[in-house]
PDB file of N, CA and C in Angstrom:
ATOM      1  N   MET A   1       6.828  -2.048  17.583  1.00  0.00           N
ATOM      2  CA  MET A   1       6.845  -1.505  16.251  1.00  0.00           C
ATOM      3  C   MET A   1       6.926  -2.444  14.800  1.00  0.00           C
ATOM      4  N   GLY A   2       6.057  -2.390  14.393  1.00  0.00           N
ATOM      5  CA  GLY A   2       6.381  -3.282  12.935  1.00  0.00           C
ATOM      6  C   GLY A   2       6.940  -2.779  12.124  1.00  0.00           C
ATOM      7  N   LEU A   3       6.974  -4.006  10.895  1.00  0.00           N
ATOM      8  CA  LEU A   3       7.966  -3.046   9.851  1.00  0.00           C
ATOM      9  C   LEU A   3       7.441  -2.161   9.132  1.00  0.00           C
ATOM     10  N   ARG A   4       6.242  -2.218   8.571  1.00  0.00           N
ATOM     11  CA  ARG A   4       5.207  -1.697   8.048  1.00  0.00           C
ATOM     12  C   ARG A   4       5.442  -0.189   8.659  1.00  0.00           C
ATOM     13  N   SER A   5       5.365  -0.095  10.119  1.00  0.00           N
ATOM     14  CA  SER A   5       5.298   1.379  10.327  1.00  0.00           C
ATOM     15  C   SER A   5       6.604   2.026  10.271  1.00  0.00           C
ATOM     16  N   GLN A   6       7.802   1.058  10.499  1.00  0.00           N
ATOM     17  CA  GLN A   6       9.150   1.483  10.287  1.00  0.00           C
ATOM     18  C   GLN A   6       9.690   1.939   8.873  1.00  0.00           C
ATOM     19  N   LEU A   7       9.129   1.645   7.741  1.00  0.00           N
ATOM     20  CA  LEU A   7       8.944   1.594   6.310  1.00  0.00           C
ATOM     21  C   LEU A   7       8.087   3.206   6.139  1.00  0.00           C
ATOM     22  N   LYS A   8       7.310   3.585   6.649  1.00  0.00           N
ATOM     23  CA  LYS A   8       6.551   4.772   6.624  1.00  0.00           C
ATOM     24  C   LYS A   8       7.343   5.649   6.884  1.00  0.00           C
ATOM     25  N   GLU A   9       8.479   5.968   7.852  1.00  0.00           N
ATOM     26  CA  GLU A   9       9.486   6.691   8.264  1.00  0.00           C
ATOM     27  C   GLU A   9      10.300   7.115   7.052  1.00  0.00           C
ATOM     28  N   PHE A  10      10.547   5.973   6.220  1.00  0.00           N
ATOM     29  CA  PHE A  10      11.495   6.376   5.486  1.00  0.00           C
ATOM     30  C   PHE A  10      11.113   7.169   3.891  1.00  0.00           C
ATOM     31  N   ARG A  11      11.401   7.596   3.021  1.00  0.00           N
ATOM     32  CA  ARG A  11      11.166   8.395   2.005  1.00  0.00           C
ATOM     33  C   ARG A  11      11.832   7.166   0.987  1.00  0.00           C
ATOM     34  N   LEU A  12      11.286   6.183   0.490  1.00  0.00           N
ATOM     35  CA  LEU A  12      11.952   5.271  -0.074  1.00  0.00           C
ATOM     36  C   LEU A  12      12.195   5.602  -1.355  1.00  0.00           C
ATOM     37  N   GLY A  13      11.234   6.616  -2.262  1.00  0.00           N
ATOM     38  CA  GLY A  13      11.692   6.895  -3.379  1.00  0.00           C
ATOM     39  C   GLY A  13      12.909   7.750  -3.741  1.00  0.00           C
ATOM     40  N   ARG A  14      12.717   8.531  -2.693  1.00  0.00           N
ATOM     41  CA  ARG A  14      14.104   9.431  -3.141  1.00  0.00           C
ATOM     42  C   ARG A  14      15.438   8.720  -2.727  1.00  0.00           C
ATOM     43  N   MET A  15      15.686   7.708  -1.795  1.00  0.00           N
ATOM     44  CA  MET A  15      16.566   6.950  -1.520  1.00  0.00           C
ATOM     45  C   MET A  15      16.987   6.205  -2.456  1.00  0.00           C
ATOM     46  N   LEU A  16      15.889   5.440  -2.916  1.00  0.00           N
ATOM     47  CA  LEU A  16      15.591   4.303  -3.851  1.00  0.00           C
ATOM     48  C   LEU A  16      16.360   4.839  -5.151  1.00  0.00           C
ATOM     49  N   GLY A  17      16.132   6.132  -5.839  1.00  0.00           N
ATOM     50  CA  GLY A  17      16.546   7.057  -6.623  1.00  0.00           C
ATOM     51  C   GLY A  17      18.137   6.745  -6.829  1.00  0.00           C
ATOM     52  N   ALA A  18      18.400   7.644  -5.603  1.00  0.00           N
ATOM     53  CA  ALA A  18      19.939   7.766  -5.399  1.00  0.00           C
ATOM     54  C   ALA A  18      20.750   6.352  -5.577  1.00  0.00           C
ATOM     55  N   VAL A  19      20.724   5.273  -5.166  1.00  0.00           N
ATOM     56  CA  VAL A  19      21.170   3.949  -4.445  1.00  0.00           C
ATOM     57  C   VAL A  19      21.243   3.426  -5.965  1.00  0.00           C
ATOM     58  N   TRP A  20      20.171   3.407  -6.769  1.00  0.00           N
ATOM     59  CA  TRP A  20      20.263   3.193  -8.210  1.00  0.00           C
ATOM     60  C   TRP A  20      20.944   3.730  -8.862  1.00  0.00           C
ATOM     61  N   ARG A  21      21.187   5.293  -8.970  1.00  0.00           N
ATOM     62  CA  ARG A  21      22.182   5.613  -9.481  1.00  0.00           C
ATOM     63  C   ARG A  21      23.529   5.393  -9.435  1.00  0.00           C
ATOM     64  N   ARG A  22      23.837   5.150  -8.269  1.00  0.00           N
ATOM     65  CA  ARG A  22      25.156   4.797  -7.840  1.00  0.00           C
ATOM     66  C   ARG A  22      25.539   3.081  -8.200  1.00  0.00           C
ATOM     67  N   GLY A  23      24.461   2.638  -8.033  1.00  0.00           N
ATOM     68  CA  GLY A  23      24.336   0.742  -8.373  1.00  0.00           C
ATOM     69  C   GLY A  23      24.831   0.966 -10.080  1.00  0.00           C
ATOM     70  N   ARG A  24      24.207   1.514 -10.515  1.00  0.00           N
ATOM     71  CA  ARG A  24      24.369   1.493 -12.152  1.00  0.00           C
ATOM     72  C   ARG A  24      25.861   2.134 -12.538  1.00  0.00           C
ATOM     73  N   ASN A  25      26.612   2.550 -11.462  1.00  0.00           N
ATOM     74  CA  ASN A  25      28.060   3.090 -11.978  1.00  0.00           C
ATOM     75  C   ASN A  25      28.968   1.859 -11.694  1.00  0.00           C
ATOM     76  N   GLY A  26      28.124   0.713 -11.320  1.00  0.00           N
ATOM     77  CA  GLY A  26      29.103  -0.545 -11.214  1.00  0.00           C
ATOM     78  C   GLY A  26      29.611  -0.865  -9.779  1.00  0.00           C
ATOM     79  N   SER A  27      29.146   0.085  -8.712  1.00  0.00           N
ATOM     80  CA  SER A  27      29.259  -0.375  -7.139  1.00  0.00           C
ATOM     81  C   SER A  27      28.546  -1.641  -6.632  1.00  0.00           C
ATOM     82  N   GLY A  28      28.910  -2.703  -6.815  1.00  0.00           N
ATOM     83  CA  GLY A  28      27.938  -3.789  -6.544  1.00  0.00           C
ATOM     84  C   GLY A  28      27.192  -3.898  -4.834  1.00  0.00           C
ATOM     85  N   VAL A  29      27.813  -3.284  -3.676  1.00  0.00           N
ATOM     86  CA  VAL A  29      27.095  -3.025  -2.773  1.00  0.00           C
ATOM     87  C   VAL A  29      25.993  -1.976  -2.646  1.00  0.00           C
ATOM     88  N   TRP A  30      26.115  -0.846  -3.745  1.00  0.00           N
ATOM     89  CA  TRP A  30      24.895  -0.151  -3.943  1.00  0.00           C
ATOM     90  C   TRP A  30      23.987  -0.654  -4.638  1.00  0.00           C
ATOM     91  N   PHE A  31      24.223  -1.478  -5.829  1.00  0.00           N
ATOM     92  CA  PHE A  31      23.360  -2.385  -6.436  1.00  0.00           C
ATOM     93  C   PHE A  31      22.531  -3.521  -5.786  1.00  0.00           C
ATOM     94  N   GLY A  32      23.181  -3.838  -4.628  1.00  0.00           N
ATOM     95  CA  GLY A  32      22.639  -4.891  -3.426  1.00  0.00           C
ATOM     96  C   GLY A  32      21.357  -3.952  -2.724  1.00  0.00           C
ATOM     97  N   LEU A  33      21.620  -2.749  -2.221  1.00  0.00           N
ATOM     98  CA  LEU A  33      21.163  -2.197  -1.463  1.00  0.00           C
ATOM     99  C   LEU A  33      20.084  -1.822  -2.363  1.00  0.00           C
ATOM    100  N   ALA A  34      20.233  -1.222  -3.607  1.00  0.00           N
ATOM    101  CA  ALA A  34      18.987  -0.898  -4.722  1.00  0.00           C
ATOM    102  C   ALA A  34      17.927  -2.033  -4.460  1.00  0.00           C
ATOM    103  N   THR A  35      18.401  -3.349  -4.914  1.00  0.00           N
ATOM    104  CA  THR A  35      17.567  -4.522  -4.862  1.00  0.00           C
ATOM    105  C   THR A  35      16.782  -4.826  -3.475  1.00  0.00           C
ATOM    106  N   VAL A  36      17.592  -4.206  -2.363  1.00  0.00           N
ATOM    107  CA  VAL A  36      16.583  -4.677  -1.356  1.00  0.00           C
ATOM    108  C   VAL A  36      15.792  -3.611  -1.098  1.00  0.00           C
ATOM    109  N   LEU A  37      15.993  -2.430  -1.280  1.00  0.00           N
ATOM    110  CA  LEU A  37      14.942  -1.311  -1.069  1.00  0.00           C
ATOM    111  C   LEU A  37      13.804  -1.634  -2.050  1.00  0.00           C
ATOM    112  N   THR A  38      14.239  -1.892  -3.249  1.00  0.00           N
ATOM    113  CA  THR A  38      12.923  -2.413  -4.282  1.00  0.00           C
ATOM    114  C   THR A  38      12.111  -3.250  -3.939  1.00  0.00           C
ATOM    115  N   THR A  39      12.754  -4.290  -3.095  1.00  0.00           N
ATOM    116  CA  THR A  39      11.956  -5.684  -2.894  1.00  0.00           C
ATOM    117  C   THR A  39      11.150  -4.685  -1.478  1.00  0.00           C
ATOM    118  N   LEU A  40      11.575  -3.878  -0.881  1.00  0.00           N
ATOM    119  CA  LEU A  40      10.469  -3.477   0.320  1.00  0.00           C
ATOM    120  C   LEU A  40      10.021  -2.490  -0.049  1.00  0.00           C
ATOM    121  N   ARG A  41       9.920  -1.880  -1.248  1.00  0.00           N
ATOM    122  CA  ARG A  41       8.882  -1.101  -1.464  1.00  0.00           C
ATOM    123  C   ARG A  41       7.871  -1.618  -2.030  1.00  0.00           C
ATOM    124  N   LEU A  42       8.178  -2.595  -2.967  1.00  0.00           N
ATOM    125  CA  LEU A  42       7.142  -3.828  -3.647  1.00  0.00           C
ATOM    126  C   LEU A  42       6.261  -4.440  -2.594  1.00  0.00           C
ATOM    127  N   LEU A  43       7.085  -4.998  -1.384  1.00  0.00           N
ATOM    128  CA  LEU A  43       6.233  -5.532  -0.248  1.00  0.00           C
ATOM    129  C   LEU A  43       5.454  -4.678   0.456  1.00  0.00           C
ATOM    130  N   ARG A  44       5.523  -3.048   0.533  1.00  0.00           N
ATOM    131  CA  ARG A  44       4.659  -2.257   1.122  1.00  0.00           C
ATOM    132  C   ARG A  44       3.485  -2.025   0.523  1.00  0.00           C
ATOM    133  N   HIS A  45       3.994  -1.902  -0.942  1.00  0.00           N
ATOM    134  CA  HIS A  45       2.507  -2.075  -1.814  1.00  0.00           C
ATOM    135  C   HIS A  45       1.748  -2.997  -1.778  1.00  0.00           C
ATOM    136  N   LEU A  46       2.485  -4.166  -1.797  1.00  0.00           N
ATOM    137  CA  LEU A  46       1.676  -5.613  -2.064  1.00  0.00           C
ATOM    138  C   LEU A  46       0.664  -5.768  -0.609  1.00  0.00           C
ATOM    139  N   SER A  47       1.033  -5.337   0.433  1.00  0.00           N
ATOM    140  CA  SER A  47       0.734  -5.376   1.881  1.00  0.00           C
ATOM    141  C   SER A  47      -0.327  -4.222   2.190  1.00  0.00           C
ATOM    142  N   ARG A  48      -0.548  -3.572   1.197  1.00  0.00           N
ATOM    143  CA  ARG A  48      -1.679  -2.135   1.657  1.00  0.00           C
ATOM    144  C   ARG A  48      -3.271  -2.955   1.880  1.00  0.00           C
ATOM    145  N   ASN A  49      -4.144  -2.492   2.315  1.00  0.00           N
ATOM    146  CA  ASN A  49      -5.185  -3.010   2.492  1.00  0.00           C
ATOM    147  C   ASN A  49      -6.012  -2.455   1.472  1.00  0.00           C
ATOM    148  N   LYS A  50      -6.675  -3.178   0.713  1.00  0.00           N
ATOM    149  CA  LYS A  50      -7.217  -3.055  -0.357  1.00  0.00           C
ATOM    150  C   LYS A  50      -8.822  -2.832  -0.069  1.00  0.00           C
ATOM    151  N   GLN A  51      -9.367  -1.866  -1.079  1.00  0.00           N
ATOM    152  CA  GLN A  51     -10.898  -1.228  -0.984  1.00  0.00           C
ATOM    153  C   GLN A  51     -11.694  -2.627  -1.473  1.00  0.00           C
ATOM    154  N   ARG A  52     -12.975  -3.083  -0.855  1.00  0.00           N
ATOM    155  CA  ARG A  52     -13.628  -4.121  -1.442  1.00  0.00           C
ATOM    156  C   ARG A  52     -15.191  -3.320  -1.754  1.00  0.00           C
ATOM    157  N   THR A  53     -15.395  -3.648  -2.857  1.00  0.00           N
ATOM    158  CA  THR A  53     -16.896  -3.417  -3.329  1.00  0.00           C
ATOM    159  C   THR A  53     -17.967  -4.466  -2.825  1.00  0.00           C
ATOM    160  N   VAL A  54     -18.844  -4.155  -1.847  1.00  0.00           N
ATOM    161  CA  VAL A  54     -19.697  -4.971  -1.114  1.00  0.00           C
ATOM    162  C   VAL A  54     -21.047  -5.050  -2.100  1.00  0.00           C
ATOM    163  N   PHE A  55     -21.238  -3.707  -3.191  1.00  0.00           N
ATOM    164  CA  PHE A  55     -22.619  -3.974  -3.778  1.00  0.00           C
ATOM    165  C   PHE A  55     -22.305  -2.739  -4.965  1.00  0.00           C
ATOM    166  N   ARG A  56     -22.530  -3.231  -5.834  1.00  0.00           N
ATOM    167  CA  ARG A  56     -22.411  -1.897  -7.391  1.00  0.00           C
ATOM    168  C   ARG A  56     -23.483  -2.207  -8.291  1.00  0.00           C
ATOM    169  N   GLN A  57     -24.175  -1.546  -8.448  1.00  0.00           N
ATOM    170  CA  GLN A  57     -25.467  -1.080  -9.586  1.00  0.00           C
ATOM    171  C   GLN A  57     -25.589   0.225  -9.888  1.00  0.00           C
ATOM    172  N   GLU A  58     -25.680   0.473 -11.166  1.00  0.00           N
ATOM    173  CA  GLU A  58     -25.726   1.626 -11.978  1.00  0.00           C
ATOM    174  C   GLU A  58     -27.439   2.017 -11.589  1.00  0.00           C
ATOM    175  N   LEU A  59     -26.958   3.488 -11.275  1.00  0.00           N
ATOM    176  CA  LEU A  59     -28.300   4.391 -10.620  1.00  0.00           C
ATOM    177  C   LEU A  59     -28.724   4.532 -12.289  1.00  0.00           C
ATOM    178  N   GLN A  60     -29.836   4.718 -12.927  1.00  0.00           N
ATOM    179  CA  GLN A  60     -30.594   5.564 -13.589  1.00  0.00           C
ATOM    180  C   GLN A  60     -30.941   6.848 -13.152  1.00  0.00           C
ATOM    181  N   PRO A  61     -31.286   7.926 -13.983  1.00  0.00           N
ATOM    182  CA  PRO A  61     -31.746   9.204 -13.708  1.00  0.00           C
ATOM    183  C   PRO A  61     -33.170   9.113 -12.888  1.00  0.00           C
ATOM    184  N   GLY A  62     -32.961  10.030 -11.717  1.00  0.00           N
ATOM    185  CA  GLY A  62     -34.244   9.970 -10.846  1.00  0.00           C
ATOM    186  C   GLY A  62     -34.259   8.965  -9.492  1.00  0.00           C
ATOM    187  N   GLN A  63     -33.186   7.803  -9.706  1.00  0.00           N
ATOM    188  CA  GLN A  63     -32.933   7.161  -8.746  1.00  0.00           C
ATOM    189  C   GLN A  63     -32.035   7.605  -7.450  1.00  0.00           C
ATOM    190  N   SER A  64     -31.961   7.169  -6.626  1.00  0.00           N
ATOM    191  CA  SER A  64     -31.385   7.874  -5.390  1.00  0.00           C
ATOM    192  C   SER A  64     -30.958   6.378  -4.581  1.00  0.00           C
ATOM    193  N   LEU A  65     -30.033   6.708  -3.762  1.00  0.00           N
ATOM    194  CA  LEU A  65     -29.364   5.691  -2.968  1.00  0.00           C
ATOM    195  C   LEU A  65     -29.447   5.796  -1.547  1.00  0.00           C
ATOM    196  N   ARG A  66     -29.929   5.216  -0.987  1.00  0.00           N
ATOM    197  CA  ARG A  66     -29.664   5.642   0.806  1.00  0.00           C
ATOM    198  C   ARG A  66     -28.745   4.427   1.425  1.00  0.00           C
ATOM    199  N   ILE A  67     -27.458   4.814   2.193  1.00  0.00           N
ATOM    200  CA  ILE A  67     -26.757   4.398   2.897  1.00  0.00           C
ATOM    201  C   ILE A  67     -27.300   4.286   4.605  1.00  0.00           C
ATOM    202  N   GLU A  68     -27.171   2.921   5.094  1.00  0.00           N
ATOM    203  CA  GLU A  68     -27.621   3.067   6.801  1.00  0.00           C
ATOM    204  C   GLU A  68     -26.482   1.970   7.236  1.00  0.00           C
ATOM    205  N   HIS A  69     -26.292   2.361   8.586  1.00  0.00           N
ATOM    206  CA  HIS A  69     -25.239   1.813   9.166  1.00  0.00           C
ATOM    207  C   HIS A  69     -25.871   0.469  10.293  1.00  0.00           C
ATOM    208  N   ILE A  70     -25.581  -0.524   9.873  1.00  0.00           N
ATOM    209  CA  ILE A  70     -26.418  -1.363  11.263  1.00  0.00           C
ATOM    210  C   ILE A  70     -25.133  -1.720  12.159  1.00  0.00           C
ATOM    211  N   PRO A  71     -25.489  -1.576  13.358  1.00  0.00           N
ATOM    212  CA  PRO A  71     -24.594  -1.903  14.668  1.00  0.00           C
ATOM    213  C   PRO A  71     -24.062  -3.117  14.511  1.00  0.00           C
ATOM    214  N   ARG A  72     -22.667  -3.378  14.828  1.00  0.00           N
ATOM    215  CA  ARG A  72     -22.527  -4.597  15.065  1.00  0.00           C
ATOM    216  C   ARG A  72     -22.845  -5.583  16.293  1.00  0.00           C
ATOM    217  N   GLN A  73     -22.843  -6.419  16.506  1.00  0.00           N
ATOM    218  CA  GLN A  73     -23.367  -7.211  17.823  1.00  0.00           C
ATOM    219  C   GLN A  73     -22.371  -7.586  18.623  1.00  0.00           C
ATOM    220  N   ALA A  74     -22.249  -7.529  19.418  1.00  0.00           N
ATOM    221  CA  ALA A  74     -21.688  -8.244  20.752  1.00  0.00           C
ATOM    222  C   ALA A  74     -20.355  -9.547  20.319  1.00  0.00           C
ATOM    223  N   ASP A  75     -20.715 -10.186  19.405  1.00  0.00           N
ATOM    224  CA  ASP A  75     -20.215 -11.607  19.081  1.00  0.00           C
ATOM    225  C   ASP A  75     -19.630 -11.117  17.691  1.00  0.00           C
ATOM    226  N   GLY A  76     -19.351 -10.067  17.039  1.00  0.00           N
ATOM    227  CA  GLY A  76     -18.600  -9.882  15.944  1.00  0.00           C
ATOM    228  C   GLY A  76     -19.174  -9.495  14.757  1.00  0.00           C
ATOM    229  N   GLN A  77     -20.406 -10.217  14.634  1.00  0.00           N
ATOM    230  CA  GLN A  77     -20.950 -10.576  13.542  1.00  0.00           C
ATOM    231  C   GLN A  77     -21.991  -9.648  13.154  1.00  0.00           C
ATOM    232  N   SER A  78     -22.508  -8.733  12.072  1.00  0.00           N
ATOM    233  CA  SER A  78     -23.501  -7.722  11.984  1.00  0.00           C
ATOM    234  C   SER A  78     -24.948  -8.363  11.586  1.00  0.00           C
TER     235      SER A  78
END
């Protein structure tokens, strides 16, 4: 089980809010924990899969778009 799947189980938003409140009150331990949780949340955000735009063109009125699936060959190339 990877770190990403473990992080999905936590509700970091709620936990992070509570920890930051306690950290702002002067507790160094809670402030350190808030810093670690913020870093984990940032890493989770940065490690998400990004959508890729392969082709983009504006359609004029009356034009249509057809999308076909080309099966992948056994060697992994399309």
